[in-house]
N, C-alpha and C. Protein backbone atom coordinates (compact mmCIF):
# COMPACT_ATOMS: atom_id res chain seq x y z
N MET A 1 -142.08 -202.86 208.55
CA MET A 1 -140.96 -202.93 207.63
C MET A 1 -141.00 -201.69 206.74
N GLY A 2 -139.86 -201.05 206.55
CA GLY A 2 -139.78 -199.82 205.77
C GLY A 2 -139.53 -200.06 204.30
N PHE A 3 -139.77 -199.03 203.53
CA PHE A 3 -139.55 -199.06 202.09
C PHE A 3 -138.06 -199.00 201.78
N ARG A 4 -137.59 -199.86 200.88
CA ARG A 4 -136.18 -199.87 200.50
C ARG A 4 -136.06 -199.82 198.99
N TYR A 5 -134.98 -199.21 198.51
CA TYR A 5 -134.71 -199.15 197.08
C TYR A 5 -133.21 -199.25 196.87
N ARG A 6 -132.78 -200.08 195.93
CA ARG A 6 -131.37 -200.19 195.59
C ARG A 6 -131.26 -200.61 194.14
N SER A 7 -130.41 -199.93 193.41
CA SER A 7 -130.15 -200.25 192.01
C SER A 7 -128.69 -199.98 191.72
N SER A 8 -128.16 -200.65 190.71
CA SER A 8 -126.76 -200.50 190.38
C SER A 8 -126.63 -200.38 188.86
N ILE A 9 -125.80 -199.44 188.42
CA ILE A 9 -125.57 -199.22 186.99
C ILE A 9 -124.10 -199.46 186.70
N ARG A 10 -123.83 -200.42 185.83
CA ARG A 10 -122.45 -200.72 185.48
C ARG A 10 -122.00 -199.75 184.38
N LEU A 11 -120.98 -198.96 184.67
CA LEU A 11 -120.45 -198.01 183.71
C LEU A 11 -119.37 -198.65 182.85
N ALA A 12 -118.55 -199.46 183.46
CA ALA A 12 -117.46 -200.17 182.78
C ALA A 12 -117.08 -201.34 183.67
N ARG A 13 -116.20 -202.16 183.19
CA ARG A 13 -115.75 -203.29 183.99
C ARG A 13 -115.04 -202.75 185.24
N GLY A 14 -115.57 -203.10 186.40
CA GLY A 14 -114.99 -202.65 187.65
C GLY A 14 -115.41 -201.28 188.11
N LEU A 15 -116.35 -200.62 187.40
CA LEU A 15 -116.82 -199.29 187.77
C LEU A 15 -118.34 -199.28 187.76
N ARG A 16 -118.94 -198.90 188.90
CA ARG A 16 -120.37 -199.02 189.06
C ARG A 16 -120.92 -197.86 189.88
N ILE A 17 -122.09 -197.37 189.48
CA ILE A 17 -122.81 -196.37 190.27
C ILE A 17 -123.93 -197.09 190.99
N ASN A 18 -124.02 -196.91 192.30
CA ASN A 18 -125.05 -197.53 193.12
C ASN A 18 -126.07 -196.46 193.51
N LEU A 19 -127.33 -196.75 193.32
CA LEU A 19 -128.40 -195.82 193.66
C LEU A 19 -129.27 -196.45 194.73
N SER A 20 -129.62 -195.66 195.73
CA SER A 20 -130.51 -196.14 196.77
C SER A 20 -131.38 -195.00 197.25
N LYS A 21 -132.30 -195.32 198.13
CA LYS A 21 -133.19 -194.30 198.69
C LYS A 21 -132.40 -193.21 199.40
N SER A 22 -131.27 -193.57 200.01
CA SER A 22 -130.51 -192.59 200.78
C SER A 22 -129.47 -191.83 199.96
N GLY A 23 -129.28 -192.18 198.68
CA GLY A 23 -128.34 -191.44 197.85
C GLY A 23 -127.60 -192.32 196.86
N ALA A 24 -126.56 -191.74 196.26
CA ALA A 24 -125.78 -192.45 195.25
C ALA A 24 -124.35 -192.64 195.75
N SER A 25 -123.69 -193.67 195.21
CA SER A 25 -122.29 -193.90 195.54
C SER A 25 -121.59 -194.47 194.31
N LEU A 26 -120.28 -194.46 194.34
CA LEU A 26 -119.47 -194.96 193.24
C LEU A 26 -118.61 -196.10 193.75
N SER A 27 -118.66 -197.26 193.09
CA SER A 27 -117.86 -198.42 193.47
C SER A 27 -116.82 -198.71 192.41
N VAL A 28 -115.61 -199.00 192.86
CA VAL A 28 -114.51 -199.36 191.97
C VAL A 28 -113.94 -200.67 192.48
N GLY A 29 -113.77 -201.63 191.59
CA GLY A 29 -113.19 -202.91 192.00
C GLY A 29 -113.94 -204.06 191.38
N ARG A 30 -113.69 -205.23 191.92
CA ARG A 30 -114.32 -206.44 191.42
C ARG A 30 -114.71 -207.31 192.61
N PRO A 31 -115.44 -208.38 192.40
CA PRO A 31 -115.80 -209.23 193.53
C PRO A 31 -114.55 -209.69 194.27
N GLY A 32 -114.53 -209.49 195.55
CA GLY A 32 -113.38 -209.85 196.35
C GLY A 32 -112.60 -208.64 196.85
N ALA A 33 -112.64 -207.53 196.12
CA ALA A 33 -111.92 -206.32 196.52
C ALA A 33 -112.60 -205.11 195.89
N THR A 34 -113.25 -204.30 196.72
CA THR A 34 -114.01 -203.15 196.22
C THR A 34 -113.79 -201.94 197.13
N VAL A 35 -113.77 -200.77 196.51
CA VAL A 35 -113.74 -199.50 197.24
C VAL A 35 -114.98 -198.73 196.83
N ASN A 36 -115.74 -198.27 197.82
CA ASN A 36 -116.98 -197.56 197.58
C ASN A 36 -116.87 -196.15 198.13
N PHE A 37 -117.17 -195.15 197.28
CA PHE A 37 -117.15 -193.74 197.68
C PHE A 37 -118.58 -193.27 197.83
N GLY A 38 -119.03 -193.08 199.06
CA GLY A 38 -120.40 -192.67 199.33
C GLY A 38 -120.45 -191.46 200.21
N LYS A 39 -121.66 -191.02 200.54
CA LYS A 39 -121.80 -189.79 201.33
C LYS A 39 -121.33 -189.98 202.77
N ARG A 40 -121.25 -191.21 203.25
CA ARG A 40 -120.78 -191.45 204.62
C ARG A 40 -119.26 -191.59 204.70
N GLY A 41 -118.59 -191.73 203.56
CA GLY A 41 -117.15 -191.85 203.55
C GLY A 41 -116.69 -192.89 202.54
N VAL A 42 -115.48 -193.39 202.74
CA VAL A 42 -114.90 -194.37 201.84
C VAL A 42 -114.95 -195.73 202.53
N ARG A 43 -115.56 -196.69 201.87
CA ARG A 43 -115.68 -198.04 202.43
C ARG A 43 -114.84 -198.99 201.60
N THR A 44 -113.94 -199.72 202.26
CA THR A 44 -113.09 -200.70 201.60
C THR A 44 -113.57 -202.08 202.02
N MET A 45 -113.79 -202.95 201.02
CA MET A 45 -114.29 -204.29 201.30
C MET A 45 -113.39 -205.33 200.64
N VAL A 46 -113.01 -206.34 201.41
CA VAL A 46 -112.19 -207.44 200.92
C VAL A 46 -112.85 -208.73 201.39
N GLY A 47 -112.95 -209.71 200.49
CA GLY A 47 -113.59 -210.96 200.88
C GLY A 47 -113.24 -212.10 199.95
N LEU A 48 -113.72 -213.27 200.31
CA LEU A 48 -113.56 -214.46 199.48
C LEU A 48 -114.90 -214.72 198.79
N PRO A 49 -115.00 -214.42 197.48
CA PRO A 49 -116.28 -214.56 196.77
C PRO A 49 -116.86 -215.97 196.90
N GLY A 50 -118.16 -216.01 197.14
CA GLY A 50 -118.86 -217.28 197.22
C GLY A 50 -118.84 -217.94 198.59
N THR A 51 -118.05 -217.40 199.53
CA THR A 51 -117.95 -218.01 200.85
C THR A 51 -118.76 -217.28 201.90
N GLY A 52 -119.02 -216.00 201.68
CA GLY A 52 -119.70 -215.19 202.69
C GLY A 52 -118.73 -214.59 203.70
N ILE A 53 -117.44 -214.87 203.54
CA ILE A 53 -116.43 -214.34 204.45
C ILE A 53 -115.89 -213.03 203.87
N SER A 54 -115.97 -211.96 204.65
CA SER A 54 -115.47 -210.68 204.16
C SER A 54 -115.10 -209.77 205.33
N TYR A 55 -114.37 -208.73 205.00
CA TYR A 55 -113.98 -207.70 205.96
C TYR A 55 -114.21 -206.35 205.31
N SER A 56 -114.78 -205.42 206.04
CA SER A 56 -114.96 -204.08 205.50
C SER A 56 -114.58 -203.05 206.54
N GLU A 57 -114.16 -201.91 206.05
CA GLU A 57 -113.74 -200.81 206.92
C GLU A 57 -114.21 -199.52 206.28
N THR A 58 -114.77 -198.62 207.09
CA THR A 58 -115.27 -197.34 206.59
C THR A 58 -114.47 -196.20 207.22
N LYS A 59 -114.02 -195.30 206.38
CA LYS A 59 -113.32 -194.09 206.83
C LYS A 59 -114.23 -192.90 206.50
N PRO A 60 -114.68 -192.16 207.50
CA PRO A 60 -115.56 -191.01 207.23
C PRO A 60 -114.83 -189.90 206.48
N TRP A 61 -115.60 -189.08 205.76
CA TRP A 61 -115.02 -187.95 205.03
C TRP A 61 -114.47 -186.90 205.98
N ARG A 62 -115.03 -186.80 207.16
CA ARG A 62 -114.59 -185.77 208.11
C ARG A 62 -113.15 -186.03 208.54
N HIS A 63 -112.45 -184.96 208.78
CA HIS A 63 -111.06 -185.06 209.18
C HIS A 63 -110.96 -185.61 210.60
N GLN A 64 -110.20 -186.65 210.81
CA GLN A 64 -110.12 -187.33 212.10
C GLN A 64 -109.18 -186.65 213.09
N ALA A 65 -108.35 -185.73 212.64
CA ALA A 65 -107.37 -185.10 213.54
C ALA A 65 -108.05 -184.41 214.71
N ALA A 66 -109.16 -183.75 214.46
CA ALA A 66 -109.86 -183.04 215.53
C ALA A 66 -110.37 -184.03 216.58
N LEU A 67 -110.90 -185.15 216.14
CA LEU A 67 -111.39 -186.15 217.08
C LEU A 67 -110.25 -186.76 217.88
N GLU A 68 -109.14 -187.05 217.22
CA GLU A 68 -108.00 -187.64 217.91
C GLU A 68 -107.42 -186.67 218.92
N THR A 69 -107.41 -185.38 218.61
CA THR A 69 -106.91 -184.37 219.55
C THR A 69 -107.79 -184.33 220.78
N ARG A 70 -109.09 -184.36 220.60
CA ARG A 70 -110.01 -184.34 221.74
C ARG A 70 -109.85 -185.57 222.62
N GLU A 71 -109.62 -186.74 221.99
CA GLU A 71 -109.43 -187.97 222.77
C GLU A 71 -108.11 -187.93 223.53
N SER A 72 -107.05 -187.40 222.91
CA SER A 72 -105.74 -187.37 223.55
C SER A 72 -105.64 -186.32 224.64
N PHE A 73 -106.34 -185.20 224.45
CA PHE A 73 -106.28 -184.09 225.39
C PHE A 73 -107.69 -183.70 225.81
N PRO A 74 -108.33 -184.48 226.68
CA PRO A 74 -109.73 -184.20 227.04
C PRO A 74 -109.92 -182.90 227.80
N ASN A 75 -108.88 -182.38 228.49
CA ASN A 75 -109.01 -181.15 229.27
C ASN A 75 -108.73 -179.90 228.45
N LEU A 76 -108.41 -180.07 227.17
CA LEU A 76 -108.13 -178.94 226.30
C LEU A 76 -109.43 -178.19 226.01
N THR A 77 -109.45 -176.87 226.28
CA THR A 77 -110.65 -176.09 226.05
C THR A 77 -110.63 -175.53 224.63
N PRO A 78 -111.77 -175.49 223.96
CA PRO A 78 -111.82 -174.96 222.60
C PRO A 78 -111.63 -173.44 222.59
N ALA A 79 -111.31 -172.91 221.43
CA ALA A 79 -111.13 -171.46 221.25
C ALA A 79 -112.45 -170.75 221.50
N ALA A 80 -112.36 -169.46 221.82
CA ALA A 80 -113.56 -168.68 222.12
C ALA A 80 -114.50 -168.59 220.92
N ASN A 81 -113.95 -168.41 219.72
CA ASN A 81 -114.75 -168.32 218.50
C ASN A 81 -114.26 -169.36 217.49
N PRO A 82 -114.63 -170.61 217.68
CA PRO A 82 -114.16 -171.63 216.75
C PRO A 82 -114.78 -171.45 215.37
N ALA A 83 -114.06 -171.88 214.36
CA ALA A 83 -114.58 -171.80 212.99
C ALA A 83 -115.75 -172.78 212.85
N PRO A 84 -116.77 -172.40 212.10
CA PRO A 84 -117.90 -173.30 211.92
C PRO A 84 -117.48 -174.56 211.17
N ALA A 85 -118.11 -175.67 211.50
CA ALA A 85 -117.79 -176.94 210.85
C ALA A 85 -118.22 -176.88 209.39
N ARG A 86 -117.38 -177.40 208.51
CA ARG A 86 -117.71 -177.42 207.08
C ARG A 86 -118.46 -178.71 206.77
N ARG A 87 -119.44 -178.58 205.95
CA ARG A 87 -120.19 -179.76 205.50
C ARG A 87 -119.80 -180.03 204.06
N SER A 88 -119.77 -181.31 203.71
CA SER A 88 -119.41 -181.66 202.34
C SER A 88 -120.49 -181.15 201.39
N SER A 89 -120.07 -180.73 200.25
CA SER A 89 -120.96 -180.13 199.28
C SER A 89 -121.42 -181.15 198.25
N GLY A 90 -122.54 -180.86 197.63
CA GLY A 90 -123.02 -181.70 196.55
C GLY A 90 -122.11 -181.63 195.33
N LEU A 91 -121.25 -180.60 195.29
CA LEU A 91 -120.33 -180.46 194.17
C LEU A 91 -119.32 -181.61 194.13
N VAL A 92 -118.96 -182.14 195.29
CA VAL A 92 -118.04 -183.28 195.32
C VAL A 92 -118.68 -184.47 194.63
N TRP A 93 -119.95 -184.72 194.92
CA TRP A 93 -120.65 -185.84 194.29
C TRP A 93 -120.82 -185.61 192.80
N LEU A 94 -121.10 -184.40 192.43
CA LEU A 94 -121.25 -184.09 191.02
C LEU A 94 -119.94 -184.30 190.28
N ALA A 95 -118.83 -183.92 190.88
CA ALA A 95 -117.52 -184.13 190.27
C ALA A 95 -117.20 -185.62 190.15
N LEU A 96 -117.49 -186.40 191.20
CA LEU A 96 -117.26 -187.85 191.14
C LEU A 96 -118.11 -188.50 190.05
N LEU A 97 -119.36 -188.09 189.95
CA LEU A 97 -120.24 -188.64 188.94
C LEU A 97 -119.77 -188.27 187.54
N GLY A 98 -119.35 -187.03 187.35
CA GLY A 98 -118.84 -186.60 186.05
C GLY A 98 -117.57 -187.35 185.67
N PHE A 99 -116.71 -187.57 186.65
CA PHE A 99 -115.48 -188.32 186.42
C PHE A 99 -115.80 -189.77 186.00
N ALA A 100 -116.74 -190.40 186.69
CA ALA A 100 -117.13 -191.77 186.37
C ALA A 100 -117.75 -191.87 184.98
N ILE A 101 -118.59 -190.93 184.63
CA ILE A 101 -119.21 -190.94 183.31
C ILE A 101 -118.17 -190.69 182.23
N GLY A 102 -117.20 -189.81 182.51
CA GLY A 102 -116.12 -189.56 181.56
C GLY A 102 -115.28 -190.80 181.30
N ILE A 103 -114.97 -191.53 182.36
CA ILE A 103 -114.20 -192.77 182.20
C ILE A 103 -115.01 -193.79 181.41
N ALA A 104 -116.29 -193.90 181.71
CA ALA A 104 -117.14 -194.86 181.01
C ALA A 104 -117.25 -194.50 179.53
N ALA A 105 -117.40 -193.22 179.23
CA ALA A 105 -117.50 -192.80 177.84
C ALA A 105 -116.21 -193.07 177.08
N ALA A 106 -115.07 -192.85 177.75
CA ALA A 106 -113.77 -193.10 177.10
C ALA A 106 -113.59 -194.59 176.83
N LEU A 107 -114.07 -195.43 177.71
CA LEU A 107 -113.93 -196.88 177.52
C LEU A 107 -114.88 -197.42 176.44
N ILE A 108 -116.02 -196.78 176.31
CA ILE A 108 -117.00 -197.24 175.31
C ILE A 108 -116.57 -196.85 173.90
N TRP A 109 -116.07 -195.61 173.73
CA TRP A 109 -115.71 -195.16 172.39
C TRP A 109 -114.33 -195.53 172.09
């Protein structure tokens, strides 16, 4: 069994920062309907609190148009010098964290 870590910090009602061994994420919502912004993408969760019945869907940060084009046109050959794939930057997370802290500070004062 591997080592696990998870913690959650409530910034304001309906706004929470989640910390784990694999990184941080921002959750907005309440029990029954939540949107989570994490490094793997945006996860939307809807459920009936207290029943264990829920539905969730994850949309990756990567643009899906390229994948859909490849699926629709499998014989399409790529360009000779394709542009390198862009990776998401830590600046996005820093901006999300700053935004969440700003909202929390505005609600507290």
